[in-house]
Amino acid sequence: EGIYHANFVVARMHRALKHLADGGVLDAAQKEKALATLKRQKELFASGMETIRQHGKMTATGAAVIQGACDYMASVG
């Protein structure tokens, strides 16, 4: 449950930070840090999904929710 929840949260945090990074409100140094963080969040999400795929036993609802997070992460390259 913890890895599943953490992965969902990483995807949500990625979405919020990407919106901020794309919003034109950060200075150059802040944007550089945000972009590095976004890259790291993608890596963490991929690692978490590997664990979930190997060991997770999800309900239909759980699978649908995490698929939404997967779809979002795939859409941002």
N, C-alpha and C. Protein backbone atom coordinates (compact mmCIF):
# COMPACT_ATOMS: atom_id res chain seq x y z
N GLU A 1 0.81 -1.20 0.00
CA GLU A 1 0.00 0.00 0.00
C GLU A 1 0.85 1.25 0.00
N GLY A 2 1.97 1.21 0.71
CA GLY A 2 2.82 2.39 0.82
C GLY A 2 3.44 2.79 -0.50
N ILE A 3 3.94 1.81 -1.25
CA ILE A 3 4.57 2.11 -2.54
C ILE A 3 3.51 2.60 -3.52
N TYR A 4 2.36 2.00 -3.50
CA TYR A 4 1.26 2.43 -4.37
C TYR A 4 0.92 3.89 -4.08
N HIS A 5 0.71 4.20 -2.80
CA HIS A 5 0.35 5.56 -2.41
C HIS A 5 1.46 6.54 -2.78
N ALA A 6 2.70 6.15 -2.50
CA ALA A 6 3.82 7.03 -2.82
C ALA A 6 3.88 7.32 -4.32
N ASN A 7 3.63 6.32 -5.13
CA ASN A 7 3.67 6.54 -6.57
C ASN A 7 2.55 7.47 -7.03
N PHE A 8 1.38 7.30 -6.47
CA PHE A 8 0.28 8.20 -6.80
C PHE A 8 0.66 9.63 -6.42
N VAL A 9 1.24 9.81 -5.25
CA VAL A 9 1.63 11.15 -4.78
C VAL A 9 2.73 11.72 -5.66
N VAL A 10 3.70 10.91 -6.06
CA VAL A 10 4.77 11.41 -6.95
C VAL A 10 4.17 11.94 -8.24
N ALA A 11 3.21 11.24 -8.81
CA ALA A 11 2.56 11.70 -10.04
C ALA A 11 1.83 13.02 -9.82
N ARG A 12 1.15 13.14 -8.69
CA ARG A 12 0.44 14.39 -8.38
C ARG A 12 1.42 15.55 -8.17
N MET A 13 2.52 15.27 -7.47
CA MET A 13 3.53 16.30 -7.25
C MET A 13 4.17 16.72 -8.57
N HIS A 14 4.41 15.75 -9.44
CA HIS A 14 4.97 16.04 -10.75
C HIS A 14 4.04 16.98 -11.52
N ARG A 15 2.78 16.67 -11.50
CA ARG A 15 1.80 17.49 -12.21
C ARG A 15 1.80 18.93 -11.70
N ALA A 16 1.81 19.10 -10.39
CA ALA A 16 1.80 20.44 -9.80
C ALA A 16 3.09 21.19 -10.13
N LEU A 17 4.22 20.51 -10.00
CA LEU A 17 5.50 21.18 -10.27
C LEU A 17 5.65 21.50 -11.75
N LYS A 18 5.17 20.63 -12.62
CA LYS A 18 5.23 20.91 -14.05
C LYS A 18 4.39 22.14 -14.39
N HIS A 19 3.23 22.24 -13.80
CA HIS A 19 2.38 23.41 -14.02
C HIS A 19 3.11 24.68 -13.58
N LEU A 20 3.76 24.60 -12.43
CA LEU A 20 4.51 25.74 -11.92
C LEU A 20 5.69 26.07 -12.85
N ALA A 21 6.43 25.06 -13.26
CA ALA A 21 7.59 25.27 -14.14
C ALA A 21 7.19 25.84 -15.48
N ASP A 22 6.03 25.44 -15.98
CA ASP A 22 5.55 25.92 -17.28
C ASP A 22 4.82 27.25 -17.18
N GLY A 23 4.57 27.72 -15.96
CA GLY A 23 3.74 28.91 -15.77
C GLY A 23 4.42 30.25 -15.91
N GLY A 24 5.74 30.25 -16.07
CA GLY A 24 6.44 31.50 -16.27
C GLY A 24 6.64 32.33 -15.01
N VAL A 25 6.48 31.73 -13.85
CA VAL A 25 6.63 32.49 -12.60
C VAL A 25 7.97 32.23 -11.92
N LEU A 26 8.71 31.24 -12.37
CA LEU A 26 9.98 30.90 -11.74
C LEU A 26 11.12 31.64 -12.44
N ASP A 27 12.12 32.02 -11.65
CA ASP A 27 13.32 32.58 -12.28
C ASP A 27 14.13 31.43 -12.87
N ALA A 28 15.22 31.75 -13.54
CA ALA A 28 15.98 30.73 -14.26
C ALA A 28 16.51 29.63 -13.33
N ALA A 29 17.04 30.01 -12.19
CA ALA A 29 17.58 29.02 -11.25
C ALA A 29 16.48 28.13 -10.69
N GLN A 30 15.34 28.73 -10.37
CA GLN A 30 14.21 27.95 -9.85
C GLN A 30 13.70 26.98 -10.91
N LYS A 31 13.63 27.45 -12.14
CA LYS A 31 13.13 26.58 -13.22
C LYS A 31 14.09 25.43 -13.46
N GLU A 32 15.39 25.70 -13.41
CA GLU A 32 16.38 24.64 -13.58
C GLU A 32 16.23 23.58 -12.50
N LYS A 33 16.04 24.02 -11.27
CA LYS A 33 15.86 23.08 -10.16
C LYS A 33 14.55 22.29 -10.34
N ALA A 34 13.51 22.98 -10.77
CA ALA A 34 12.21 22.32 -10.98
C ALA A 34 12.34 21.24 -12.06
N LEU A 35 13.03 21.56 -13.14
CA LEU A 35 13.18 20.59 -14.22
C LEU A 35 13.99 19.37 -13.77
N ALA A 36 15.01 19.59 -12.96
CA ALA A 36 15.78 18.47 -12.42
C ALA A 36 14.90 17.61 -11.50
N THR A 37 14.07 18.27 -10.71
CA THR A 37 13.17 17.54 -9.82
C THR A 37 12.15 16.75 -10.62
N LEU A 38 11.62 17.33 -11.68
CA LEU A 38 10.66 16.63 -12.54
C LEU A 38 11.29 15.36 -13.12
N LYS A 39 12.53 15.47 -13.55
CA LYS A 39 13.22 14.30 -14.10
C LYS A 39 13.35 13.22 -13.03
N ARG A 40 13.73 13.61 -11.84
CA ARG A 40 13.89 12.65 -10.74
C ARG A 40 12.56 12.00 -10.38
N GLN A 41 11.48 12.79 -10.38
CA GLN A 41 10.17 12.24 -10.08
C GLN A 41 9.76 11.20 -11.12
N LYS A 42 10.09 11.43 -12.39
CA LYS A 42 9.79 10.43 -13.42
C LYS A 42 10.52 9.12 -13.14
N GLU A 43 11.79 9.25 -12.73
CA GLU A 43 12.58 8.06 -12.41
C GLU A 43 11.99 7.31 -11.22
N LEU A 44 11.63 8.06 -10.18
CA LEU A 44 11.04 7.43 -8.99
C LEU A 44 9.72 6.75 -9.32
N PHE A 45 8.91 7.40 -10.15
CA PHE A 45 7.63 6.81 -10.54
C PHE A 45 7.85 5.51 -11.29
N ALA A 46 8.79 5.51 -12.24
CA ALA A 46 9.07 4.29 -13.01
C ALA A 46 9.54 3.16 -12.10
N SER A 47 10.38 3.48 -11.15
CA SER A 47 10.86 2.47 -10.21
C SER A 47 9.71 1.92 -9.36
N GLY A 48 8.88 2.81 -8.88
CA GLY A 48 7.73 2.37 -8.09
C GLY A 48 6.78 1.51 -8.89
N MET A 49 6.56 1.87 -10.14
CA MET A 49 5.66 1.07 -10.98
C MET A 49 6.22 -0.31 -11.25
N GLU A 50 7.51 -0.42 -11.37
CA GLU A 50 8.12 -1.73 -11.55
C GLU A 50 7.81 -2.63 -10.35
N THR A 51 7.94 -2.07 -9.16
CA THR A 51 7.64 -2.83 -7.94
C THR A 51 6.16 -3.19 -7.88
N ILE A 52 5.30 -2.23 -8.21
CA ILE A 52 3.86 -2.48 -8.18
C ILE A 52 3.49 -3.58 -9.19
N ARG A 53 4.05 -3.51 -10.38
CA ARG A 53 3.74 -4.51 -11.41
C ARG A 53 4.21 -5.91 -11.00
N GLN A 54 5.36 -5.97 -10.33
CA GLN A 54 5.90 -7.27 -9.93
C GLN A 54 5.17 -7.85 -8.73
N HIS A 55 4.77 -7.01 -7.78
CA HIS A 55 4.29 -7.53 -6.50
C HIS A 55 2.89 -7.07 -6.11
N GLY A 56 2.33 -6.12 -6.83
CA GLY A 56 1.04 -5.56 -6.43
C GLY A 56 -0.12 -6.47 -6.74
N LYS A 57 -1.09 -6.45 -5.86
CA LYS A 57 -2.36 -7.14 -6.06
C LYS A 57 -3.44 -6.09 -5.86
N MET A 58 -3.89 -5.53 -6.97
CA MET A 58 -4.80 -4.38 -6.90
C MET A 58 -6.24 -4.78 -7.16
N THR A 59 -7.11 -4.00 -6.57
CA THR A 59 -8.52 -4.09 -6.91
C THR A 59 -8.71 -3.42 -8.27
N ALA A 60 -9.88 -3.57 -8.84
CA ALA A 60 -10.18 -2.90 -10.12
C ALA A 60 -10.08 -1.39 -9.96
N THR A 61 -10.57 -0.88 -8.84
CA THR A 61 -10.49 0.57 -8.60
C THR A 61 -9.04 1.01 -8.45
N GLY A 62 -8.26 0.27 -7.69
CA GLY A 62 -6.86 0.59 -7.52
C GLY A 62 -6.10 0.59 -8.83
N ALA A 63 -6.38 -0.39 -9.68
CA ALA A 63 -5.73 -0.47 -10.98
C ALA A 63 -6.12 0.72 -11.85
N ALA A 64 -7.37 1.12 -11.81
CA ALA A 64 -7.83 2.27 -12.61
C ALA A 64 -7.18 3.56 -12.14
N VAL A 65 -7.06 3.73 -10.84
CA VAL A 65 -6.47 4.96 -10.30
C VAL A 65 -4.99 5.05 -10.69
N ILE A 66 -4.26 3.98 -10.50
CA ILE A 66 -2.83 4.02 -10.82
C ILE A 66 -2.63 4.11 -12.32
N GLN A 67 -3.56 3.57 -13.11
CA GLN A 67 -3.45 3.71 -14.57
C GLN A 67 -3.58 5.17 -14.97
N GLY A 68 -4.43 5.90 -14.29
CA GLY A 68 -4.53 7.34 -14.56
C GLY A 68 -3.21 8.04 -14.30
N ALA A 69 -2.53 7.68 -13.23
CA ALA A 69 -1.23 8.26 -12.93
C ALA A 69 -0.21 7.85 -14.00
N CYS A 70 -0.27 6.59 -14.43
CA CYS A 70 0.63 6.11 -15.49
C CYS A 70 0.39 6.87 -16.80
N ASP A 71 -0.87 7.07 -17.12
CA ASP A 71 -1.23 7.79 -18.35
C ASP A 71 -0.69 9.21 -18.30
N TYR A 72 -0.83 9.87 -17.16
CA TYR A 72 -0.31 11.23 -17.03
C TYR A 72 1.20 11.22 -17.21
N MET A 73 1.91 10.35 -16.48
CA MET A 73 3.37 10.33 -16.55
C MET A 73 3.85 10.01 -17.96
N ALA A 74 3.16 9.14 -18.67
CA ALA A 74 3.52 8.83 -20.05
C ALA A 74 3.29 10.04 -20.97
N SER A 75 2.30 10.84 -20.66
CA SER A 75 1.96 11.98 -21.51
C SER A 75 2.97 13.12 -21.41
N VAL A 76 3.79 13.12 -20.36
CA VAL A 76 4.75 14.21 -20.19
C VAL A 76 6.15 13.81 -20.62
N GLY A 77 6.24 12.70 -21.30
CA GLY A 77 7.52 12.28 -21.89
C GLY A 77 8.48 11.74 -20.99
